[in-house]
């Protein structure tokens, strides 16, 4: 007979089986939990890593720069006056010629003593303008460009006057000195080329008035300017050394520029052209171009030029 409260074999078997089911379920749950935890660990989570804040250092002000003076102003260049020439040479045709006032300043910067006492009065007399027909027969440019510059506005010693004229008209001053020595020995009161035609006598110098019966001088002054061909320059060429030299070398310049083409229509030794300084010296004497008379006169001028006669003792008349 079965005992009260004791386990039967069948009940034991059922209990064991039930325990096994519970254990299996617990194992399955643990396995699932572990798998889930493992899966979560393999999924990276982005984390914004923040670097530690840099330490803020105190700002220490640097040294204050010393105040700099403003830059010195650049001086404006001052135009210097042209250097005073010690010798006036020949300027080529077409060259810009210095003004009479500029030449006066240059000449006076290098004073020359007086060596011709007979010119004392005439050297202090200035000239005047000339007529617009002085260069009859020349190219129009002679009366348009050359004539208006003639004025004789200078006074000084004889040598200074000759240098002034050389400067103003761009002709070598030694050539001027030599030619004036040939013409008058640098004496402004010199009279020459006496003739008997009263129509060729200037006012106040009729036939016989100047000491030669029946004749009057046609040429006057330091360069022996000839009145019949320079009527509009009177009385300056006779009374003013500066006007005399000014007119003479204005005519030389017109020739030198090539304005006197009429020289090719008269007796000539060669064809006239611009730029022949000595040819224009010869034309002053003869009114012709490189004829025997012209070239003979040039030879005399060259002789005086070579000897520098104006510097010799015999030439001095202070």
C-alpha atoms as a PDB file:
ATOM      1  CA  UNK A   1       0.000   0.000   0.000  1.00  0.00           C
ATOM      2  CA  UNK A   2       1.383   3.463  -0.926  1.00  0.00           C
ATOM      3  CA  UNK A   3       2.738   5.665   1.961  1.00  0.00           C
ATOM      4  CA  UNK A   4       1.156   9.311   2.708  1.00  0.00           C
ATOM      5  CA  UNK A   5       3.321  12.205   1.421  1.00  0.00           C
ATOM      6  CA  UNK A   6       5.983  10.213  -0.310  1.00  0.00           C
ATOM      7  CA  UNK A   7       7.019  10.951  -3.936  1.00  0.00           C
ATOM      8  CA  UNK A   8       5.994   8.518  -6.446  1.00  0.00           C
ATOM      9  CA  UNK A   9       8.252   7.773  -9.358  1.00  0.00           C
ATOM     10  CA  UNK A  10       5.942   9.469 -11.790  1.00  0.00           C
ATOM     11  CA  UNK A  11       5.819  12.662  -9.796  1.00  0.00           C
ATOM     12  CA  UNK A  12       9.589  12.715  -9.574  1.00  0.00           C
ATOM     13  CA  UNK A  13       9.928  12.396 -13.289  1.00  0.00           C
ATOM     14  CA  UNK A  14       7.519  15.255 -13.850  1.00  0.00           C
ATOM     15  CA  UNK A  15       9.439  17.496 -11.430  1.00  0.00           C
ATOM     16  CA  UNK A  16      12.735  16.779 -13.090  1.00  0.00           C
ATOM     17  CA  UNK A  17      11.322  17.573 -16.468  1.00  0.00           C
ATOM     18  CA  UNK A  18       9.808  20.819 -15.248  1.00  0.00           C
ATOM     19  CA  UNK A  19      13.145  21.861 -13.753  1.00  0.00           C
ATOM     20  CA  UNK A  20      14.924  21.193 -16.977  1.00  0.00           C
ATOM     21  CA  UNK A  21      12.444  23.403 -18.862  1.00  0.00           C
ATOM     22  CA  UNK A  22      13.032  26.264 -16.459  1.00  0.00           C
ATOM     23  CA  UNK A  23      16.799  25.910 -16.724  1.00  0.00           C
ATOM     24  CA  UNK A  24      16.614  25.895 -20.505  1.00  0.00           C
ATOM     25  CA  UNK A  25      14.481  28.987 -20.558  1.00  0.00           C
ATOM     26  CA  UNK A  26      16.825  30.801 -18.227  1.00  0.00           C
ATOM     27  CA  UNK A  27      19.773  29.871 -20.384  1.00  0.00           C
ATOM     28  CA  UNK A  28      18.033  31.113 -23.485  1.00  0.00           C
ATOM     29  CA  UNK A  29      17.242  34.437 -21.825  1.00  0.00           C
ATOM     30  CA  UNK A  30      20.808  34.865 -20.604  1.00  0.00           C
ATOM     31  CA  UNK A  31      22.163  34.045 -24.025  1.00  0.00           C
ATOM     32  CA  UNK A  32      19.861  36.595 -25.662  1.00  0.00           C
ATOM     33  CA  UNK A  33      20.787  39.264 -23.148  1.00  0.00           C
ATOM     34  CA  UNK A  34      24.464  38.622 -23.645  1.00  0.00           C
ATOM     35  CA  UNK A  35      24.094  38.777 -27.438  1.00  0.00           C
ATOM     36  CA  UNK A  36      22.282  42.020 -27.265  1.00  0.00           C
ATOM     37  CA  UNK A  37      24.932  43.531 -25.046  1.00  0.00           C
ATOM     38  CA  UNK A  38      27.628  42.284 -27.404  1.00  0.00           C
ATOM     39  CA  UNK A  39      25.924  43.861 -30.433  1.00  0.00           C
ATOM     40  CA  UNK A  40      25.599  47.189 -28.677  1.00  0.00           C
ATOM     41  CA  UNK A  41      29.327  47.300 -27.870  1.00  0.00           C
ATOM     42  CA  UNK A  42      30.322  46.826 -31.559  1.00  0.00           C
ATOM     43  CA  UNK A  43      28.251  49.801 -32.737  1.00  0.00           C
ATOM     44  CA  UNK A  44      30.507  52.865 -32.368  1.00  0.00           C
ATOM     45  CA  UNK A  45      28.991  55.953 -30.889  1.00  0.00           C
ATOM     46  CA  UNK A  46      30.349  59.271 -32.227  1.00  0.00           C
ATOM     47  CA  UNK A  47      31.643  61.376 -29.395  1.00  0.00           C
ATOM     48  CA  UNK A  48      32.624  65.028 -29.972  1.00  0.00           C
ATOM     49  CA  UNK A  49      35.937  65.185 -28.309  1.00  0.00           C
ATOM     50  CA  UNK A  50      36.633  68.670 -27.081  1.00  0.00           C
ATOM     51  CA  UNK A  51      40.235  69.738 -26.600  1.00  0.00           C
ATOM     52  CA  UNK A  52      40.894  71.369 -23.347  1.00  0.00           C
ATOM     53  CA  UNK A  53      40.619  75.149 -23.568  1.00  0.00           C
ATOM     54  CA  UNK A  54      43.999  76.844 -24.123  1.00  0.00           C
ATOM     55  CA  UNK A  55      45.208  78.878 -21.283  1.00  0.00           C
ATOM     56  CA  UNK A  56      44.651  82.551 -21.911  1.00  0.00           C
ATOM     57  CA  UNK A  57      47.947  84.443 -21.499  1.00  0.00           C
ATOM     58  CA  UNK A  58      47.823  88.064 -20.495  1.00  0.00           C
ATOM     59  CA  UNK A  59      48.436  90.496 -23.375  1.00  0.00           C
ATOM     60  CA  UNK A  60      51.515  92.549 -22.677  1.00  0.00           C
ATOM     61  CA  UNK A  61      51.664  95.732 -24.824  1.00  0.00           C
ATOM     62  CA  UNK A  62      54.890  96.137 -26.805  1.00  0.00           C
ATOM     63  CA  UNK A  63      57.027  99.254 -26.719  1.00  0.00           C
ATOM     64  CA  UNK A  64      55.415 102.286 -28.346  1.00  0.00           C
ATOM     65  CA  UNK A  65      57.431 103.233 -31.469  1.00  0.00           C
ATOM     66  CA  UNK A  66      59.217 106.524 -31.143  1.00  0.00           C
ATOM     67  CA  UNK A  67      57.505 109.188 -33.206  1.00  0.00           C
ATOM     68  CA  UNK A  68      59.387 109.692 -36.491  1.00  0.00           C
ATOM     69  CA  UNK A  69      59.863 113.194 -37.909  1.00  0.00           C
ATOM     70  CA  UNK A  70      58.155 113.768 -41.251  1.00  0.00           C
ATOM     71  CA  UNK A  71      60.460 113.297 -44.268  1.00  0.00           C
ATOM     72  CA  UNK A  72      62.322 116.399 -45.278  1.00  0.00           C
ATOM     73  CA  UNK A  73      60.718 118.049 -48.289  1.00  0.00           C
ATOM     74  CA  UNK A  74      62.567 117.527 -51.545  1.00  0.00           C
ATOM     75  CA  UNK A  75      63.763 120.917 -52.698  1.00  0.00           C
ATOM     76  CA  UNK A  76      62.349 122.097 -55.979  1.00  0.00           C
ATOM     77  CA  UNK A  77      65.174 122.357 -58.516  1.00  0.00           C
ATOM     78  CA  UNK A  78      66.003 125.950 -59.247  1.00  0.00           C
ATOM     79  CA  UNK A  79      66.793 126.620 -62.867  1.00  0.00           C
ATOM     80  CA  UNK A  80      70.253 128.010 -63.139  1.00  0.00           C
ATOM     81  CA  UNK A  81      71.002 130.778 -65.587  1.00  0.00           C
ATOM     82  CA  UNK A  82      73.108 129.694 -68.527  1.00  0.00           C
ATOM     83  CA  UNK A  83      76.826 129.787 -67.889  1.00  0.00           C
ATOM     84  CA  UNK A  84      78.532 132.900 -69.202  1.00  0.00           C
ATOM     85  CA  UNK A  85      80.258 132.035 -72.486  1.00  0.00           C
ATOM     86  CA  UNK A  86      83.891 133.058 -72.684  1.00  0.00           C
ATOM     87  CA  UNK A  87      83.800 132.975 -76.482  1.00  0.00           C
ATOM     88  CA  UNK A  88      80.930 133.456 -78.917  1.00  0.00           C
ATOM     89  CA  UNK A  89      81.181 131.117 -81.877  1.00  0.00           C
ATOM     90  CA  UNK A  90      79.267 130.746 -85.120  1.00  0.00           C
ATOM     91  CA  UNK A  91      75.801 129.199 -84.826  1.00  0.00           C
ATOM     92  CA  UNK A  92      74.585 127.172 -87.827  1.00  0.00           C
ATOM     93  CA  UNK A  93      71.739 128.236 -90.119  1.00  0.00           C
ATOM     94  CA  UNK A  94      68.385 127.730 -88.453  1.00  0.00           C
ATOM     95  CA  UNK A  95      69.825 127.865 -84.928  1.00  0.00           C
ATOM     96  CA  UNK A  96      67.934 129.681 -82.188  1.00  0.00           C
ATOM     97  CA  UNK A  97      69.758 132.961 -81.601  1.00  0.00           C
ATOM     98  CA  UNK A  98      70.119 134.484 -78.142  1.00  0.00           C
ATOM     99  CA  UNK A  99      68.272 137.715 -77.492  1.00  0.00           C
ATOM    100  CA  UNK A 100      69.984 141.073 -77.358  1.00  0.00           C
ATOM    101  CA  UNK A 101      69.297 141.330 -73.634  1.00  0.00           C
ATOM    102  CA  UNK A 102      70.771 137.896 -72.948  1.00  0.00           C
ATOM    103  CA  UNK A 103      73.872 138.796 -74.920  1.00  0.00           C
ATOM    104  CA  UNK A 104      74.140 142.091 -73.042  1.00  0.00           C
ATOM    105  CA  UNK A 105      74.137 140.228 -69.716  1.00  0.00           C
ATOM    106  CA  UNK A 106      76.786 137.781 -70.899  1.00  0.00           C
ATOM    107  CA  UNK A 107      79.034 140.489 -72.313  1.00  0.00           C
ATOM    108  CA  UNK A 108      78.814 142.653 -69.200  1.00  0.00           C
ATOM    109  CA  UNK A 109      79.708 139.661 -67.047  1.00  0.00           C
ATOM    110  CA  UNK A 110      83.168 139.728 -68.668  1.00  0.00           C
ATOM    111  CA  UNK A 111      84.046 143.430 -68.958  1.00  0.00           C
ATOM    112  CA  UNK A 112      86.512 144.591 -71.603  1.00  0.00           C
ATOM    113  CA  UNK A 113      88.533 147.798 -71.303  1.00  0.00           C
ATOM    114  CA  UNK A 114      88.049 150.618 -73.787  1.00  0.00           C
ATOM    115  CA  UNK A 115      90.828 150.789 -76.365  1.00  0.00           C
ATOM    116  CA  UNK A 116      89.306 153.339 -78.791  1.00  0.00           C
ATOM    117  CA  UNK A 117      88.845 156.696 -77.122  1.00  0.00           C
ATOM    118  CA  UNK A 118      87.347 158.305 -80.233  1.00  0.00           C
ATOM    119  CA  UNK A 119      84.261 156.094 -79.830  1.00  0.00           C
ATOM    120  CA  UNK A 120      83.373 157.372 -76.353  1.00  0.00           C
ATOM    121  CA  UNK A 121      80.223 159.218 -77.441  1.00  0.00           C
ATOM    122  CA  UNK A 122      79.003 156.782 -80.094  1.00  0.00           C
ATOM    123  CA  UNK A 123      79.454 153.856 -77.718  1.00  0.00           C
ATOM    124  CA  UNK A 124      76.860 155.323 -75.386  1.00  0.00           C
ATOM    125  CA  UNK A 125      74.276 155.999 -78.107  1.00  0.00           C
ATOM    126  CA  UNK A 126      71.769 153.223 -78.704  1.00  0.00           C
ATOM    127  CA  UNK A 127      69.943 152.556 -81.954  1.00  0.00           C
ATOM    128  CA  UNK A 128      66.403 152.145 -83.164  1.00  0.00           C
ATOM    129  CA  UNK A 129      64.213 149.824 -85.189  1.00  0.00           C
ATOM    130  CA  UNK A 130      64.498 149.606 -88.942  1.00  0.00           C
ATOM    131  CA  UNK A 131      62.051 149.596 -91.819  1.00  0.00           C
ATOM    132  CA  UNK A 132      60.388 146.449 -93.102  1.00  0.00           C
ATOM    133  CA  UNK A 133      62.052 146.920 -96.488  1.00  0.00           C
ATOM    134  CA  UNK A 134      65.689 146.749 -95.374  1.00  0.00           C
ATOM    135  CA  UNK A 135      66.210 143.421 -97.100  1.00  0.00           C
ATOM    136  CA  UNK A 136      64.808 144.259-100.497  1.00  0.00           C
ATOM    137  CA  UNK A 137      65.372 141.381-102.899  1.00  0.00           C
ATOM    138  CA  UNK A 138      65.983 138.864-100.119  1.00  0.00           C
ATOM    139  CA  UNK A 139      63.603 136.086 -99.134  1.00  0.00           C
ATOM    140  CA  UNK A 140      60.607 137.359 -97.195  1.00  0.00           C
ATOM    141  CA  UNK A 141      61.960 135.712 -94.044  1.00  0.00           C
ATOM    142  CA  UNK A 142      64.757 138.267 -93.894  1.00  0.00           C
ATOM    143  CA  UNK A 143      62.333 141.141 -93.323  1.00  0.00           C
ATOM    144  CA  UNK A 144      60.063 138.985 -91.164  1.00  0.00           C
ATOM    145  CA  UNK A 145      62.663 137.346 -88.913  1.00  0.00           C
ATOM    146  CA  UNK A 146      65.925 139.291 -89.151  1.00  0.00           C
ATOM    147  CA  UNK A 147      64.863 142.948 -89.477  1.00  0.00           C
ATOM    148  CA  UNK A 148      62.647 143.060 -86.341  1.00  0.00           C
ATOM    149  CA  UNK A 149      65.621 142.043 -84.166  1.00  0.00           C
ATOM    150  CA  UNK A 150      67.749 145.038 -85.162  1.00  0.00           C
ATOM    151  CA  UNK A 151      67.650 147.766 -82.521  1.00  0.00           C
ATOM    152  CA  UNK A 152      71.206 148.682 -81.432  1.00  0.00           C
ATOM    153  CA  UNK A 153      70.124 148.555 -77.776  1.00  0.00           C
ATOM    154  CA  UNK A 154      73.461 148.208 -76.076  1.00  0.00           C
ATOM    155  CA  UNK A 155      76.192 150.459 -74.772  1.00  0.00           C
ATOM    156  CA  UNK A 156      79.640 149.666 -73.487  1.00  0.00           C
ATOM    157  CA  UNK A 157      83.224 149.686 -74.641  1.00  0.00           C
ATOM    158  CA  UNK A 158      84.040 149.127 -78.301  1.00  0.00           C
ATOM    159  CA  UNK A 159      85.154 145.548 -77.757  1.00  0.00           C
ATOM    160  CA  UNK A 160      82.056 144.817 -75.688  1.00  0.00           C
ATOM    161  CA  UNK A 161      79.824 146.182 -78.453  1.00  0.00           C
ATOM    162  CA  UNK A 162      81.477 143.977 -81.056  1.00  0.00           C
ATOM    163  CA  UNK A 163      81.126 140.935 -78.810  1.00  0.00           C
ATOM    164  CA  UNK A 164      77.464 141.789 -78.203  1.00  0.00           C
ATOM    165  CA  UNK A 165      76.767 141.901 -81.948  1.00  0.00           C
ATOM    166  CA  UNK A 166      78.648 138.615 -82.473  1.00  0.00           C
ATOM    167  CA  UNK A 167      76.587 136.940 -79.743  1.00  0.00           C
ATOM    168  CA  UNK A 168      73.260 138.322 -80.982  1.00  0.00           C
ATOM    169  CA  UNK A 169      73.744 137.162 -84.576  1.00  0.00           C
ATOM    170  CA  UNK A 170      75.621 133.915 -83.950  1.00  0.00           C
ATOM    171  CA  UNK A 171      78.879 134.826 -85.673  1.00  0.00           C
ATOM    172  CA  UNK A 172      82.330 134.092 -84.315  1.00  0.00           C
ATOM    173  CA  UNK A 173      83.510 137.060 -82.250  1.00  0.00           C
ATOM    174  CA  UNK A 174      87.087 136.843 -83.570  1.00  0.00           C
ATOM    175  CA  UNK A 175      85.798 137.075 -87.130  1.00  0.00           C
ATOM    176  CA  UNK A 176      83.881 140.205 -86.122  1.00  0.00           C
ATOM    177  CA  UNK A 177      86.947 141.714 -84.457  1.00  0.00           C
ATOM    178  CA  UNK A 178      89.102 141.061 -87.517  1.00  0.00           C
ATOM    179  CA  UNK A 179      86.558 142.418 -90.027  1.00  0.00           C
ATOM    180  CA  UNK A 180      85.964 145.577 -87.969  1.00  0.00           C
ATOM    181  CA  UNK A 181      89.747 146.107 -87.909  1.00  0.00           C
ATOM    182  CA  UNK A 182      89.874 145.867 -91.719  1.00  0.00           C
ATOM    183  CA  UNK A 183      86.947 148.245 -92.149  1.00  0.00           C
ATOM    184  CA  UNK A 184      87.800 151.016 -89.681  1.00  0.00           C
ATOM    185  CA  UNK A 185      90.498 149.984 -87.217  1.00  0.00           C
ATOM    186  CA  UNK A 186      87.507 149.885 -84.815  1.00  0.00           C
ATOM    187  CA  UNK A 187      86.904 153.641 -85.161  1.00  0.00           C
ATOM    188  CA  UNK A 188      83.214 154.550 -85.316  1.00  0.00           C
ATOM    189  CA  UNK A 189      83.796 158.086 -86.764  1.00  0.00           C
ATOM    190  CA  UNK A 190      85.332 156.566 -89.930  1.00  0.00           C
ATOM    191  CA  UNK A 191      83.801 157.775 -93.206  1.00  0.00           C
ATOM    192  CA  UNK A 192      84.344 156.011 -96.533  1.00  0.00           C
ATOM    193  CA  UNK A 193      83.276 155.300-100.106  1.00  0.00           C
ATOM    194  CA  UNK A 194      82.977 158.945-101.143  1.00  0.00           C
ATOM    195  CA  UNK A 195      80.816 159.500-104.189  1.00  0.00           C
ATOM    196  CA  UNK A 196      79.494 162.334-106.293  1.00  0.00           C
ATOM    197  CA  UNK A 197      75.833 161.308-106.547  1.00  0.00           C
ATOM    198  CA  UNK A 198      73.869 163.564-104.162  1.00  0.00           C
ATOM    199  CA  UNK A 199      70.987 161.054-104.013  1.00  0.00           C
ATOM    200  CA  UNK A 200      73.304 158.648-102.269  1.00  0.00           C
ATOM    201  CA  UNK A 201      74.258 161.108 -99.520  1.00  0.00           C
ATOM    202  CA  UNK A 202      72.477 160.763 -96.138  1.00  0.00           C
ATOM    203  CA  UNK A 203      70.739 163.756 -94.523  1.00  0.00           C
ATOM    204  CA  UNK A 204      73.296 166.238 -93.188  1.00  0.00           C
ATOM    205  CA  UNK A 205      76.094 164.851 -95.345  1.00  0.00           C
ATOM    206  CA  UNK A 206      75.598 166.507 -98.727  1.00  0.00           C
ATOM    207  CA  UNK A 207      78.306 166.917-101.300  1.00  0.00           C
ATOM    208  CA  UNK A 208      81.353 168.645 -99.820  1.00  0.00           C
ATOM    209  CA  UNK A 209      79.958 168.820 -96.260  1.00  0.00           C
ATOM    210  CA  UNK A 210      82.474 166.361 -94.872  1.00  0.00           C
ATOM    211  CA  UNK A 211      85.584 168.075 -96.250  1.00  0.00           C
ATOM    212  CA  UNK A 212      85.866 166.532 -99.706  1.00  0.00           C
ATOM    213  CA  UNK A 213      84.664 168.972-102.388  1.00  0.00           C
ATOM    214  CA  UNK A 214      81.891 167.614-104.589  1.00  0.00           C
ATOM    215  CA  UNK A 215      81.649 164.323-102.711  1.00  0.00           C
ATOM    216  CA  UNK A 216      79.867 162.739 -99.769  1.00  0.00           C
ATOM    217  CA  UNK A 217      80.654 159.616 -97.795  1.00  0.00           C
ATOM    218  CA  UNK A 218      78.366 156.666 -98.463  1.00  0.00           C
ATOM    219  CA  UNK A 219      79.853 154.373 -95.757  1.00  0.00           C
ATOM    220  CA  UNK A 220      79.845 155.015 -92.017  1.00  0.00           C
ATOM    221  CA  UNK A 221      81.072 153.601 -88.777  1.00  0.00           C
ATOM    222  CA  UNK A 222      83.015 150.724 -87.355  1.00  0.00           C
ATOM    223  CA  UNK A 223      81.834 148.269 -90.051  1.00  0.00           C
ATOM    224  CA  UNK A 224      81.463 150.874 -92.834  1.00  0.00           C
ATOM    225  CA  UNK A 225      77.731 150.309 -93.377  1.00  0.00           C
ATOM    226  CA  UNK A 226      76.721 151.750 -96.727  1.00  0.00           C
ATOM    227  CA  UNK A 227      73.878 154.259 -96.484  1.00  0.00           C
ATOM    228  CA  UNK A 228      72.353 153.845-100.008  1.00  0.00           C
ATOM    229  CA  UNK A 229      71.551 150.193 -99.190  1.00  0.00           C
ATOM    230  CA  UNK A 230      70.522 150.734 -95.570  1.00  0.00           C
ATOM    231  CA  UNK A 231      68.509 153.938 -95.641  1.00  0.00           C
ATOM    232  CA  UNK A 232      66.054 152.898 -92.916  1.00  0.00           C
ATOM    233  CA  UNK A 233      68.926 152.431 -90.464  1.00  0.00           C
ATOM    234  CA  UNK A 234      69.917 156.088 -90.563  1.00  0.00           C
ATOM    235  CA  UNK A 235      71.014 157.930 -88.454  1.00  0.00           C
ATOM    236  CA  UNK A 236      71.837 155.009 -86.151  1.00  0.00           C
ATOM    237  CA  UNK A 237      74.555 153.464 -88.290  1.00  0.00           C
ATOM    238  CA  UNK A 238      76.434 156.773 -88.194  1.00  0.00           C
ATOM    239  CA  UNK A 239      75.843 157.873 -84.609  1.00  0.00           C
ATOM    240  CA  UNK A 240      75.788 154.571 -82.673  1.00  0.00           C
ATOM    241  CA  UNK A 241      78.520 151.946 -82.626  1.00  0.00           C
ATOM    242  CA  UNK A 242      76.014 149.354 -81.423  1.00  0.00           C
ATOM    243  CA  UNK A 243      73.505 150.142 -84.178  1.00  0.00           C
ATOM    244  CA  UNK A 244      76.257 149.976 -86.765  1.00  0.00           C
ATOM    245  CA  UNK A 245      77.491 146.538 -85.674  1.00  0.00           C
ATOM    246  CA  UNK A 246      73.967 145.245 -85.074  1.00  0.00           C
ATOM    247  CA  UNK A 247      72.894 146.065 -88.627  1.00  0.00           C
ATOM    248  CA  UNK A 248      76.085 144.756 -90.233  1.00  0.00           C
ATOM    249  CA  UNK A 249      75.781 141.313 -88.681  1.00  0.00           C
ATOM    250  CA  UNK A 250      72.043 141.130 -89.212  1.00  0.00           C
ATOM    251  CA  UNK A 251      72.882 141.385 -92.922  1.00  0.00           C
ATOM    252  CA  UNK A 252      75.592 138.746 -92.494  1.00  0.00           C
ATOM    253  CA  UNK A 253      73.041 136.439 -90.825  1.00  0.00           C
ATOM    254  CA  UNK A 254      70.512 136.918 -93.651  1.00  0.00           C
ATOM    255  CA  UNK A 255      73.218 135.866 -96.088  1.00  0.00           C
ATOM    256  CA  UNK A 256      74.318 132.954 -93.886  1.00  0.00           C
ATOM    257  CA  UNK A 257      70.731 131.669 -93.579  1.00  0.00           C
ATOM    258  CA  UNK A 258      70.412 131.445 -97.352  1.00  0.00           C
ATOM    259  CA  UNK A 259      67.950 134.341 -97.727  1.00  0.00           C
ATOM    260  CA  UNK A 260      69.924 136.149-100.455  1.00  0.00           C
ATOM    261  CA  UNK A 261      69.175 134.042-103.491  1.00  0.00           C
ATOM    262  CA  UNK A 262      69.593 137.146-105.670  1.00  0.00           C
ATOM    263  CA  UNK A 263      73.339 136.452-105.403  1.00  0.00           C
ATOM    264  CA  UNK A 264      72.762 133.639-107.901  1.00  0.00           C
ATOM    265  CA  UNK A 265      71.409 136.108-110.465  1.00  0.00           C
ATOM    266  CA  UNK A 266      74.511 138.351-110.604  1.00  0.00           C
ATOM    267  CA  UNK A 267      78.197 137.867-111.333  1.00  0.00           C
ATOM    268  CA  UNK A 268      79.529 135.150-109.005  1.00  0.00           C
ATOM    269  CA  UNK A 269      82.424 132.773-108.640  1.00  0.00           C
ATOM    270  CA  UNK A 270      80.276 129.870-107.463  1.00  0.00           C
ATOM    271  CA  UNK A 271      76.681 129.062-106.663  1.00  0.00           C
ATOM    272  CA  UNK A 272      75.402 130.816-103.551  1.00  0.00           C
ATOM    273  CA  UNK A 273      74.081 128.679-100.709  1.00  0.00           C
ATOM    274  CA  UNK A 274      73.527 128.925 -96.964  1.00  0.00           C
ATOM    275  CA  UNK A 275      76.123 128.215 -94.313  1.00  0.00           C
ATOM    276  CA  UNK A 276      79.263 129.813 -95.828  1.00  0.00           C
ATOM    277  CA  UNK A 277      80.485 132.222 -93.134  1.00  0.00           C
ATOM    278  CA  UNK A 278      83.459 133.592 -95.088  1.00  0.00           C
ATOM    279  CA  UNK A 279      81.450 133.791 -98.292  1.00  0.00           C
ATOM    280  CA  UNK A 280      79.083 136.156 -96.476  1.00  0.00           C
ATOM    281  CA  UNK A 281      82.061 138.209 -95.240  1.00  0.00           C
ATOM    282  CA  UNK A 282      83.192 138.617 -98.851  1.00  0.00           C
ATOM    283  CA  UNK A 283      79.669 139.521 -99.942  1.00  0.00           C
ATOM    284  CA  UNK A 284      79.714 142.386 -97.358  1.00  0.00           C
ATOM    285  CA  UNK A 285      82.618 143.955 -99.235  1.00  0.00           C
ATOM    286  CA  UNK A 286      81.672 143.388-102.870  1.00  0.00           C
ATOM    287  CA  UNK A 287      77.974 142.540-102.975  1.00  0.00           C
ATOM    288  CA  UNK A 288      78.940 139.419-104.942  1.00  0.00           C
ATOM    289  CA  UNK A 289      79.508 135.757-104.172  1.00  0.00           C
ATOM    290  CA  UNK A 290      83.051 134.409-104.219  1.00  0.00           C
ATOM    291  CA  UNK A 291      84.322 136.719-106.922  1.00  0.00           C
ATOM    292  CA  UNK A 292      87.987 137.712-106.987  1.00  0.00           C
ATOM    293  CA  UNK A 293      87.207 140.908-105.070  1.00  0.00           C
ATOM    294  CA  UNK A 294      85.177 139.000-102.474  1.00  0.00           C
ATOM    295  CA  UNK A 295      87.819 136.375-101.899  1.00  0.00           C
ATOM    296  CA  UNK A 296      90.604 138.972-101.788  1.00  0.00           C
ATOM    297  CA  UNK A 297      88.783 140.766 -98.978  1.00  0.00           C
ATOM    298  CA  UNK A 298      88.327 137.472 -97.121  1.00  0.00           C
ATOM    299  CA  UNK A 299      92.064 136.850 -97.375  1.00  0.00           C
ATOM    300  CA  UNK A 300      92.745 140.186 -95.659  1.00  0.00           C
ATOM    301  CA  UNK A 301      90.253 139.415 -92.900  1.00  0.00           C
ATOM    302  CA  UNK A 302      91.883 136.031 -92.399  1.00  0.00           C
ATOM    303  CA  UNK A 303      95.265 137.747 -92.137  1.00  0.00           C
ATOM    304  CA  UNK A 304      94.034 139.972 -89.328  1.00  0.00           C
ATOM    305  CA  UNK A 305      92.309 137.004 -87.752  1.00  0.00           C
ATOM    306  CA  UNK A 306      95.530 135.013 -87.718  1.00  0.00           C
ATOM    307  CA  UNK A 307      97.578 137.817 -86.194  1.00  0.00           C
ATOM    308  CA  UNK A 308      94.809 138.880 -83.801  1.00  0.00           C
ATOM    309  CA  UNK A 309      95.677 142.432 -84.696  1.00  0.00           C
ATOM    310  CA  UNK A 310      93.174 143.880 -82.203  1.00  0.00           C
ATOM    311  CA  UNK A 311      95.388 142.593 -79.408  1.00  0.00           C
ATOM    312  CA  UNK A 312      98.622 144.161 -80.669  1.00  0.00           C
ATOM    313  CA  UNK A 313     100.178 147.242 -79.071  1.00  0.00           C
ATOM    314  CA  UNK A 314      99.822 149.351 -82.230  1.00  0.00           C
ATOM    315  CA  UNK A 315      96.073 148.804 -82.288  1.00  0.00           C
ATOM    316  CA  UNK A 316      95.455 150.259 -78.837  1.00  0.00           C
ATOM    317  CA  UNK A 317      94.118 153.813 -78.635  1.00  0.00           C
ATOM    318  CA  UNK A 318      92.707 154.093 -75.121  1.00  0.00           C
END
